[in-house]
C-alpha atoms as a PDB file:
ATOM      1  CA  UNK A   1     179.171 108.946  66.020  1.00  0.00           C
ATOM      2  CA  UNK A   2     180.091 112.445  66.952  1.00  0.00           C
ATOM      3  CA  UNK A   3     180.378 111.635  70.322  1.00  0.00           C
ATOM      4  CA  UNK A   4     177.454 114.101  71.470  1.00  0.00           C
ATOM      5  CA  UNK A   5     174.706 112.969  73.195  1.00  0.00           C
ATOM      6  CA  UNK A   6     171.662 113.100  71.748  1.00  0.00           C
ATOM      7  CA  UNK A   7     168.710 114.122  72.460  1.00  0.00           C
ATOM      8  CA  UNK A   8     165.018 112.453  74.042  1.00  0.00           C
ATOM      9  CA  UNK A   9     161.506 113.934  73.276  1.00  0.00           C
ATOM     10  CA  UNK A  10     161.344 115.365  76.858  1.00  0.00           C
ATOM     11  CA  UNK A  11     164.655 117.206  76.293  1.00  0.00           C
ATOM     12  CA  UNK A  12     163.538 118.472  73.063  1.00  0.00           C
ATOM     13  CA  UNK A  13     160.077 119.659  74.778  1.00  0.00           C
ATOM     14  CA  UNK A  14     161.216 121.383  78.177  1.00  0.00           C
ATOM     15  CA  UNK A  15     163.982 123.020  75.390  1.00  0.00           C
ATOM     16  CA  UNK A  16     161.617 124.170  73.077  1.00  0.00           C
ATOM     17  CA  UNK A  17     159.263 125.443  76.117  1.00  0.00           C
ATOM     18  CA  UNK A  18     161.706 127.370  77.755  1.00  0.00           C
ATOM     19  CA  UNK A  19     161.795 128.890  74.375  1.00  0.00           C
ATOM     20  CA  UNK A  20     158.705 129.660  74.500  1.00  0.00           C
ATOM     21  CA  UNK A  21     157.227 127.246  71.940  1.00  0.00           C
ATOM     22  CA  UNK A  22     153.362 126.033  72.326  1.00  0.00           C
ATOM     23  CA  UNK A  23     152.490 122.198  71.606  1.00  0.00           C
ATOM     24  CA  UNK A  24     149.811 122.048  69.313  1.00  0.00           C
ATOM     25  CA  UNK A  25     146.858 119.955  69.121  1.00  0.00           C
ATOM     26  CA  UNK A  26     147.864 116.765  67.786  1.00  0.00           C
ATOM     27  CA  UNK A  27     145.892 114.684  65.554  1.00  0.00           C
ATOM     28  CA  UNK A  28     146.073 110.992  64.187  1.00  0.00           C
ATOM     29  CA  UNK A  29     149.938 111.401  64.426  1.00  0.00           C
ATOM     30  CA  UNK A  30     153.161 110.415  66.420  1.00  0.00           C
ATOM     31  CA  UNK A  31     153.914 113.738  64.925  1.00  0.00           C
ATOM     32  CA  UNK A  32     154.527 116.809  68.075  1.00  0.00           C
ATOM     33  CA  UNK A  33     153.833 120.649  66.253  1.00  0.00           C
ATOM     34  CA  UNK A  34     155.504 123.228  68.456  1.00  0.00           C
ATOM     35  CA  UNK A  35     154.643 126.485  67.576  1.00  0.00           C
ATOM     36  CA  UNK A  36     156.160 130.467  68.108  1.00  0.00           C
ATOM     37  CA  UNK A  37     155.505 133.692  67.161  1.00  0.00           C
ATOM     38  CA  UNK A  38     157.348 135.981  67.174  1.00  0.00           C
ATOM     39  CA  UNK A  39     158.433 139.312  65.136  1.00  0.00           C
ATOM     40  CA  UNK A  40     161.735 139.325  62.738  1.00  0.00           C
ATOM     41  CA  UNK A  41     163.718 141.674  60.688  1.00  0.00           C
ATOM     42  CA  UNK A  42     164.324 145.245  60.598  1.00  0.00           C
ATOM     43  CA  UNK A  43     160.488 145.762  59.643  1.00  0.00           C
ATOM     44  CA  UNK A  44     159.671 143.918  62.689  1.00  0.00           C
ATOM     45  CA  UNK A  45     157.564 141.187  60.598  1.00  0.00           C
ATOM     46  CA  UNK A  46     155.116 139.027  62.440  1.00  0.00           C
ATOM     47  CA  UNK A  47     156.387 135.577  61.610  1.00  0.00           C
ATOM     48  CA  UNK A  48     155.193 131.870  62.751  1.00  0.00           C
ATOM     49  CA  UNK A  49     157.852 129.613  63.633  1.00  0.00           C
ATOM     50  CA  UNK A  50     156.320 125.404  63.634  1.00  0.00           C
ATOM     51  CA  UNK A  51     158.835 122.656  64.437  1.00  0.00           C
ATOM     52  CA  UNK A  52     157.904 119.328  64.338  1.00  0.00           C
ATOM     53  CA  UNK A  53     159.111 116.563  67.234  1.00  0.00           C
ATOM     54  CA  UNK A  54     158.887 113.001  66.343  1.00  0.00           C
ATOM     55  CA  UNK A  55     158.134 111.041  69.813  1.00  0.00           C
ATOM     56  CA  UNK A  56     158.812 107.358  67.942  1.00  0.00           C
ATOM     57  CA  UNK A  57     162.117 108.280  66.413  1.00  0.00           C
ATOM     58  CA  UNK A  58     163.578 109.344  70.488  1.00  0.00           C
ATOM     59  CA  UNK A  59     166.779 109.210  70.729  1.00  0.00           C
ATOM     60  CA  UNK A  60     167.050 111.432  67.922  1.00  0.00           C
ATOM     61  CA  UNK A  61     169.948 111.047  65.018  1.00  0.00           C
ATOM     62  CA  UNK A  62     172.267 114.763  63.895  1.00  0.00           C
ATOM     63  CA  UNK A  63     170.752 115.079  61.136  1.00  0.00           C
ATOM     64  CA  UNK A  64     166.932 115.371  62.754  1.00  0.00           C
ATOM     65  CA  UNK A  65     167.847 117.702  65.910  1.00  0.00           C
ATOM     66  CA  UNK A  66     168.967 119.750  62.451  1.00  0.00           C
ATOM     67  CA  UNK A  67     166.466 119.826  61.223  1.00  0.00           C
ATOM     68  CA  UNK A  68     164.233 120.676  64.427  1.00  0.00           C
ATOM     69  CA  UNK A  69     167.601 123.241  64.858  1.00  0.00           C
ATOM     70  CA  UNK A  70     166.565 125.084  61.514  1.00  0.00           C
ATOM     71  CA  UNK A  71     162.862 124.679  61.865  1.00  0.00           C
ATOM     72  CA  UNK A  72     163.198 127.266  65.927  1.00  0.00           C
ATOM     73  CA  UNK A  73     165.243 128.814  64.329  1.00  0.00           C
ATOM     74  CA  UNK A  74     168.465 128.013  65.813  1.00  0.00           C
ATOM     75  CA  UNK A  75     171.958 126.639  65.709  1.00  0.00           C
ATOM     76  CA  UNK A  76     172.538 122.310  66.869  1.00  0.00           C
ATOM     77  CA  UNK A  77     174.469 123.813  70.207  1.00  0.00           C
ATOM     78  CA  UNK A  78     171.630 125.958  70.181  1.00  0.00           C
ATOM     79  CA  UNK A  79     169.043 123.458  70.118  1.00  0.00           C
ATOM     80  CA  UNK A  80     170.989 121.129  71.973  1.00  0.00           C
ATOM     81  CA  UNK A  81     171.578 124.209  75.224  1.00  0.00           C
ATOM     82  CA  UNK A  82     168.094 124.792  75.658  1.00  0.00           C
ATOM     83  CA  UNK A  83     167.339 121.338  75.963  1.00  0.00           C
ATOM     84  CA  UNK A  84     169.744 120.919  79.131  1.00  0.00           C
ATOM     85  CA  UNK A  85     168.410 121.654  82.552  1.00  0.00           C
ATOM     86  CA  UNK A  86     170.917 123.513  82.767  1.00  0.00           C
ATOM     87  CA  UNK A  87     171.027 125.965  79.539  1.00  0.00           C
ATOM     88  CA  UNK A  88     166.874 126.094  79.891  1.00  0.00           C
ATOM     89  CA  UNK A  89     168.074 127.385  84.048  1.00  0.00           C
ATOM     90  CA  UNK A  90     169.965 129.872  81.766  1.00  0.00           C
ATOM     91  CA  UNK A  91     167.278 130.425  79.431  1.00  0.00           C
ATOM     92  CA  UNK A  92     164.977 131.641  82.556  1.00  0.00           C
ATOM     93  CA  UNK A  93     167.965 133.834  84.042  1.00  0.00           C
ATOM     94  CA  UNK A  94     167.488 135.670  80.844  1.00  0.00           C
ATOM     95  CA  UNK A  95     172.277 134.713  81.037  1.00  0.00           C
ATOM     96  CA  UNK A  96     171.820 132.619  77.664  1.00  0.00           C
ATOM     97  CA  UNK A  97     173.398 136.328  75.094  1.00  0.00           C
ATOM     98  CA  UNK A  98     172.129 134.645  72.296  1.00  0.00           C
ATOM     99  CA  UNK A  99     168.946 134.152  73.079  1.00  0.00           C
ATOM    100  CA  UNK A 100     168.158 137.966  73.297  1.00  0.00           C
ATOM    101  CA  UNK A 101     167.654 138.313  69.727  1.00  0.00           C
ATOM    102  CA  UNK A 102     166.777 135.479  68.988  1.00  0.00           C
ATOM    103  CA  UNK A 103     163.225 135.863  67.897  1.00  0.00           C
ATOM    104  CA  UNK A 104     163.448 139.407  67.220  1.00  0.00           C
ATOM    105  CA  UNK A 105     162.288 143.035  68.957  1.00  0.00           C
ATOM    106  CA  UNK A 106     160.018 143.949  71.764  1.00  0.00           C
ATOM    107  CA  UNK A 107     156.946 145.545  70.254  1.00  0.00           C
ATOM    108  CA  UNK A 108     157.303 149.994  71.208  1.00  0.00           C
ATOM    109  CA  UNK A 109     153.496 148.421  72.811  1.00  0.00           C
ATOM    110  CA  UNK A 110     155.076 146.368  75.143  1.00  0.00           C
ATOM    111  CA  UNK A 111     153.776 142.878  73.986  1.00  0.00           C
ATOM    112  CA  UNK A 112     155.635 139.906  74.543  1.00  0.00           C
ATOM    113  CA  UNK A 113     157.174 138.445  71.785  1.00  0.00           C
ATOM    114  CA  UNK A 114     155.319 135.152  71.845  1.00  0.00           C
ATOM    115  CA  UNK A 115     152.073 137.059  71.729  1.00  0.00           C
ATOM    116  CA  UNK A 116     149.758 136.108  68.365  1.00  0.00           C
ATOM    117  CA  UNK A 117     151.430 137.855  65.154  1.00  0.00           C
ATOM    118  CA  UNK A 118     149.018 139.968  64.066  1.00  0.00           C
END
């Protein structure tokens, strides 16, 4: 074991919500999908991130944590940080330096980052 505290489903869900992900309606499966739309790159191209959270495997194994982090466009360290209550508080207050440029720039028309990409 790596010595890091395991993440539970509620921690991950709160962390994804703090990042602006929205839970998609579920079908007949235990896999919840969380989606976030934004813009990436110098040309500000629309992009969609989708993270699959498999609730019945909670607490999550390190490989699953890394997979969810990759799906969200984060490092494992960033996902662990945002999944803590302190990390979520820092995100709300704009105190996470890596979060500011994570999902691209805000378009010039003032549309928020989590607005639907066209």
